[in-house]
C-alpha cells in the first residue's frame, strides 16, 4: 500500500507546475503537438520546455513520437486529463460563487 502512495505522490509532483499543467491542457485540446509549437505558445526557451517535457515523460504522463527531425507529444496517461478536468470544474464552480 505504501508503494502505491509513493508512486502517486511522485506522479502528482510531476504535474505540480503551471507550465506542465498548461502543456497537458494543450495536448488535451490538440491531441498532439511538437516542441516548436509548444515553445511559441508558452513563450519559453527550448531548454526550459525540454526540462518540463522530460519530467512529464519520466512520470509516464506524456509520450513522444519522432517524425523526421521533430518529436510529436501526446498524452499517455488519461488520468492526467481527468485530474485537469477536475481542477477546471472546481475553478468554474469558484467563479460562480464569487
N, C-alpha and C. Protein backbone atom coordinates (compact mmCIF):
# COMPACT_ATOMS: atom_id res chain seq x y z
N UNK A 1 0.82 -1.19 0.00
CA UNK A 1 0.00 0.00 0.00
C UNK A 1 0.87 1.25 0.00
N UNK A 2 1.94 1.26 0.76
CA UNK A 2 2.82 2.42 0.82
C UNK A 2 3.44 2.73 -0.55
N UNK A 3 3.79 1.69 -1.31
CA UNK A 3 4.35 1.89 -2.65
C UNK A 3 3.35 2.61 -3.55
N UNK A 4 2.08 2.27 -3.42
CA UNK A 4 1.05 2.92 -4.23
C UNK A 4 1.05 4.42 -3.97
N UNK A 5 1.05 4.82 -2.71
CA UNK A 5 1.01 6.24 -2.37
C UNK A 5 2.29 6.95 -2.77
N UNK A 6 3.41 6.27 -2.67
CA UNK A 6 4.67 6.85 -3.09
C UNK A 6 4.66 7.13 -4.60
N UNK A 7 4.18 6.17 -5.38
CA UNK A 7 4.09 6.35 -6.84
C UNK A 7 3.13 7.49 -7.19
N UNK A 8 1.99 7.53 -6.49
CA UNK A 8 1.02 8.60 -6.76
C UNK A 8 1.58 9.96 -6.40
N UNK A 9 2.32 10.05 -5.30
CA UNK A 9 2.92 11.32 -4.88
C UNK A 9 3.95 11.78 -5.91
N UNK A 10 4.75 10.88 -6.43
CA UNK A 10 5.74 11.23 -7.45
C UNK A 10 5.04 11.70 -8.73
N UNK A 11 3.95 11.03 -9.09
CA UNK A 11 3.18 11.42 -10.28
C UNK A 11 2.60 12.82 -10.10
N UNK A 12 2.05 13.09 -8.92
CA UNK A 12 1.49 14.42 -8.65
C UNK A 12 2.57 15.49 -8.66
N UNK A 13 3.76 15.17 -8.16
CA UNK A 13 4.87 16.14 -8.21
C UNK A 13 5.22 16.51 -9.64
N UNK A 14 5.15 15.53 -10.54
CA UNK A 14 5.45 15.80 -11.95
C UNK A 14 4.44 16.76 -12.56
N UNK A 15 3.22 16.73 -12.08
CA UNK A 15 2.18 17.61 -12.61
C UNK A 15 2.15 18.97 -11.92
N UNK A 16 2.76 19.07 -10.75
CA UNK A 16 2.60 20.23 -9.88
C UNK A 16 3.43 21.44 -10.32
N UNK A 17 3.19 21.89 -11.55
CA UNK A 17 3.84 23.11 -12.05
C UNK A 17 2.91 23.71 -13.09
N UNK A 18 2.71 25.02 -13.07
CA UNK A 18 1.78 25.65 -14.01
C UNK A 18 2.12 25.39 -15.48
N UNK A 19 3.40 25.36 -15.82
CA UNK A 19 3.78 25.11 -17.22
C UNK A 19 3.40 23.69 -17.62
N UNK A 20 3.63 22.74 -16.73
CA UNK A 20 3.30 21.34 -17.07
C UNK A 20 1.79 21.15 -17.17
N UNK A 21 1.04 21.81 -16.31
CA UNK A 21 -0.42 21.74 -16.44
C UNK A 21 -0.87 22.36 -17.76
N UNK A 22 -0.22 23.44 -18.16
CA UNK A 22 -0.55 24.08 -19.44
C UNK A 22 -0.20 23.16 -20.62
N UNK A 23 0.91 22.47 -20.53
CA UNK A 23 1.29 21.51 -21.57
C UNK A 23 0.21 20.43 -21.69
N UNK A 24 -0.22 19.90 -20.56
CA UNK A 24 -1.26 18.87 -20.57
C UNK A 24 -2.54 19.41 -21.19
N UNK A 25 -2.94 20.62 -20.81
CA UNK A 25 -4.14 21.23 -21.39
C UNK A 25 -4.01 21.36 -22.90
N UNK A 26 -2.86 21.82 -23.35
CA UNK A 26 -2.64 21.97 -24.80
C UNK A 26 -2.73 20.64 -25.52
N UNK A 27 -2.18 19.60 -24.92
CA UNK A 27 -2.26 18.27 -25.55
C UNK A 27 -3.68 17.73 -25.52
N UNK A 28 -4.42 18.06 -24.48
CA UNK A 28 -5.83 17.66 -24.43
C UNK A 28 -6.60 18.36 -25.56
N UNK A 29 -6.30 19.63 -25.79
CA UNK A 29 -7.01 20.40 -26.81
C UNK A 29 -6.63 19.99 -28.23
N UNK A 30 -5.34 19.75 -28.46
CA UNK A 30 -4.84 19.49 -29.82
C UNK A 30 -4.67 18.02 -30.15
N UNK A 31 -4.56 17.19 -29.15
CA UNK A 31 -4.30 15.78 -29.41
C UNK A 31 -2.82 15.47 -29.41
N UNK A 32 -2.06 16.23 -30.19
CA UNK A 32 -0.60 16.09 -30.20
C UNK A 32 0.00 17.43 -30.60
N UNK A 33 1.28 17.59 -30.28
CA UNK A 33 1.93 18.87 -30.55
C UNK A 33 3.44 18.65 -30.55
N UNK A 34 4.16 19.45 -31.34
CA UNK A 34 5.61 19.36 -31.33
C UNK A 34 6.20 20.48 -30.47
N UNK A 35 7.48 20.39 -30.20
CA UNK A 35 8.16 21.33 -29.30
C UNK A 35 8.10 22.75 -29.85
N UNK A 36 8.27 22.91 -31.14
CA UNK A 36 8.26 24.25 -31.74
C UNK A 36 6.93 24.95 -31.49
N UNK A 37 5.83 24.24 -31.71
CA UNK A 37 4.51 24.83 -31.46
C UNK A 37 4.31 25.15 -29.98
N UNK A 38 4.75 24.24 -29.10
CA UNK A 38 4.63 24.48 -27.67
C UNK A 38 5.44 25.69 -27.25
N UNK A 39 6.64 25.78 -27.79
CA UNK A 39 7.54 26.88 -27.44
C UNK A 39 6.93 28.22 -27.84
N UNK A 40 6.34 28.29 -29.01
CA UNK A 40 5.70 29.53 -29.47
C UNK A 40 4.50 29.88 -28.60
N UNK A 41 3.73 28.89 -28.24
CA UNK A 41 2.53 29.11 -27.43
C UNK A 41 2.88 29.53 -26.00
N UNK A 42 3.84 28.85 -25.40
CA UNK A 42 4.18 29.09 -24.00
C UNK A 42 5.21 30.20 -23.80
N UNK A 43 5.86 30.62 -24.89
CA UNK A 43 6.89 31.67 -24.81
C UNK A 43 8.01 31.29 -23.85
N UNK A 44 8.49 30.05 -24.00
CA UNK A 44 9.58 29.55 -23.17
C UNK A 44 10.79 29.25 -24.02
N UNK A 45 11.97 29.29 -23.38
CA UNK A 45 13.16 28.84 -24.07
C UNK A 45 13.07 27.33 -24.28
N UNK A 46 13.69 26.87 -25.35
CA UNK A 46 13.63 25.46 -25.69
C UNK A 46 14.18 24.59 -24.57
N UNK A 47 15.24 25.01 -23.91
CA UNK A 47 15.83 24.21 -22.83
C UNK A 47 14.88 24.09 -21.64
N UNK A 48 14.17 25.17 -21.33
CA UNK A 48 13.21 25.14 -20.22
C UNK A 48 12.05 24.21 -20.55
N UNK A 49 11.53 24.33 -21.77
CA UNK A 49 10.44 23.47 -22.20
C UNK A 49 10.87 22.00 -22.19
N UNK A 50 12.06 21.72 -22.66
CA UNK A 50 12.56 20.34 -22.68
C UNK A 50 12.63 19.75 -21.28
N UNK A 51 13.02 20.56 -20.29
CA UNK A 51 13.08 20.09 -18.92
C UNK A 51 11.68 19.68 -18.43
N UNK A 52 10.68 20.51 -18.74
CA UNK A 52 9.31 20.19 -18.33
C UNK A 52 8.80 18.94 -19.04
N UNK A 53 9.09 18.83 -20.32
CA UNK A 53 8.66 17.64 -21.08
C UNK A 53 9.32 16.38 -20.53
N UNK A 54 10.59 16.48 -20.16
CA UNK A 54 11.29 15.33 -19.60
C UNK A 54 10.64 14.86 -18.31
N UNK A 55 10.25 15.79 -17.45
CA UNK A 55 9.59 15.41 -16.19
C UNK A 55 8.27 14.70 -16.46
N UNK A 56 7.51 15.20 -17.44
CA UNK A 56 6.23 14.57 -17.78
C UNK A 56 6.44 13.20 -18.41
N UNK A 57 7.46 13.08 -19.26
CA UNK A 57 7.76 11.78 -19.87
C UNK A 57 8.19 10.77 -18.81
N UNK A 58 9.07 11.19 -17.90
CA UNK A 58 9.58 10.29 -16.86
C UNK A 58 8.45 9.79 -15.96
N UNK A 59 7.44 10.62 -15.75
CA UNK A 59 6.30 10.22 -14.92
C UNK A 59 5.28 9.40 -15.69
N UNK A 60 5.48 9.24 -17.00
CA UNK A 60 4.56 8.46 -17.82
C UNK A 60 3.30 9.21 -18.20
N UNK A 61 3.33 10.54 -18.07
CA UNK A 61 2.15 11.35 -18.38
C UNK A 61 2.02 11.58 -19.88
N UNK A 62 3.16 11.79 -20.55
CA UNK A 62 3.15 12.02 -22.00
C UNK A 62 4.08 11.04 -22.68
N UNK A 63 3.94 10.96 -23.98
CA UNK A 63 4.85 10.16 -24.79
C UNK A 63 5.16 10.94 -26.06
N UNK A 64 6.31 10.66 -26.63
CA UNK A 64 6.71 11.35 -27.84
C UNK A 64 7.00 10.39 -28.96
N UNK A 65 6.65 10.81 -30.18
CA UNK A 65 6.90 10.01 -31.37
C UNK A 65 7.70 10.87 -32.34
N UNK A 66 8.84 10.35 -32.77
CA UNK A 66 9.69 11.10 -33.69
C UNK A 66 9.10 11.04 -35.10
N UNK A 67 9.01 12.23 -35.70
CA UNK A 67 8.56 12.37 -37.09
C UNK A 67 9.61 13.24 -37.78
N UNK A 68 10.51 12.59 -38.50
CA UNK A 68 11.61 13.34 -39.09
C UNK A 68 12.51 13.89 -38.01
N UNK A 69 12.70 15.20 -38.02
CA UNK A 69 13.55 15.83 -37.02
C UNK A 69 12.77 16.27 -35.77
N UNK A 70 11.46 16.20 -35.83
CA UNK A 70 10.64 16.68 -34.71
C UNK A 70 10.06 15.51 -33.92
N UNK A 71 9.70 15.83 -32.68
CA UNK A 71 9.01 14.87 -31.83
C UNK A 71 7.62 15.42 -31.56
N UNK A 72 6.63 14.62 -31.84
CA UNK A 72 5.24 15.00 -31.53
C UNK A 72 4.86 14.34 -30.22
N UNK A 73 4.37 15.16 -29.29
CA UNK A 73 3.98 14.67 -27.98
C UNK A 73 2.48 14.52 -27.90
N UNK A 74 2.04 13.55 -27.10
CA UNK A 74 0.62 13.35 -26.82
C UNK A 74 0.50 12.81 -25.41
N UNK A 75 -0.71 12.92 -24.86
CA UNK A 75 -0.95 12.37 -23.53
C UNK A 75 -0.88 10.85 -23.57
N UNK A 76 -0.23 10.29 -22.60
CA UNK A 76 -0.13 8.84 -22.47
C UNK A 76 -1.05 8.35 -21.35
N UNK A 77 -1.18 9.17 -20.32
CA UNK A 77 -1.94 8.78 -19.12
C UNK A 77 -3.25 9.56 -19.07
N UNK A 78 -4.38 8.91 -19.33
CA UNK A 78 -5.66 9.62 -19.30
C UNK A 78 -6.02 10.16 -17.92
N UNK A 79 -5.38 9.64 -16.89
CA UNK A 79 -5.63 10.11 -15.53
C UNK A 79 -5.21 11.59 -15.40
N UNK A 80 -4.19 12.01 -16.13
CA UNK A 80 -3.76 13.42 -16.09
C UNK A 80 -4.85 14.32 -16.65
N UNK A 81 -5.47 13.90 -17.73
CA UNK A 81 -6.56 14.68 -18.32
C UNK A 81 -7.74 14.76 -17.36
N UNK A 82 -8.06 13.65 -16.70
CA UNK A 82 -9.17 13.65 -15.74
C UNK A 82 -8.88 14.57 -14.57
N UNK A 83 -7.64 14.58 -14.10
CA UNK A 83 -7.27 15.47 -13.00
C UNK A 83 -7.40 16.93 -13.42
N UNK A 84 -6.94 17.26 -14.61
CA UNK A 84 -7.02 18.64 -15.08
C UNK A 84 -8.48 19.05 -15.27
N UNK A 85 -9.30 18.16 -15.77
CA UNK A 85 -10.73 18.46 -15.91
C UNK A 85 -11.37 18.71 -14.55
N UNK A 86 -10.98 17.94 -13.55
CA UNK A 86 -11.49 18.14 -12.19
C UNK A 86 -11.07 19.51 -11.65
N UNK A 87 -9.83 19.88 -11.87
CA UNK A 87 -9.35 21.20 -11.43
C UNK A 87 -10.12 22.32 -12.12
N UNK A 88 -10.39 22.14 -13.41
CA UNK A 88 -11.15 23.16 -14.15
C UNK A 88 -12.58 23.27 -13.64
N UNK A 89 -13.19 22.15 -13.33
CA UNK A 89 -14.56 22.17 -12.79
C UNK A 89 -14.58 22.92 -11.47
N UNK A 90 -13.60 22.68 -10.63
CA UNK A 90 -13.52 23.36 -9.34
C UNK A 90 -13.33 24.86 -9.55
N UNK A 91 -12.50 25.23 -10.49
CA UNK A 91 -12.25 26.64 -10.80
C UNK A 91 -13.54 27.31 -11.27
N UNK A 92 -14.26 26.66 -12.16
CA UNK A 92 -15.52 27.21 -12.66
C UNK A 92 -16.55 27.35 -11.54
N UNK A 93 -16.59 26.38 -10.64
CA UNK A 93 -17.52 26.45 -9.52
C UNK A 93 -17.18 27.63 -8.61
N UNK A 94 -15.90 27.88 -8.41
CA UNK A 94 -15.48 29.02 -7.59
C UNK A 94 -15.84 30.35 -8.24
N UNK A 95 -15.73 30.41 -9.57
CA UNK A 95 -16.09 31.65 -10.30
C UNK A 95 -17.58 31.95 -10.12
N UNK A 96 -18.41 30.92 -10.12
CA UNK A 96 -19.85 31.11 -9.95
C UNK A 96 -20.16 31.65 -8.56
N UNK A 97 -19.45 31.12 -7.56
CA UNK A 97 -19.68 31.55 -6.18
C UNK A 97 -19.27 33.01 -5.99
N UNK A 98 -18.19 33.40 -6.60
CA UNK A 98 -17.69 34.77 -6.44
C UNK A 98 -18.54 35.69 -7.24
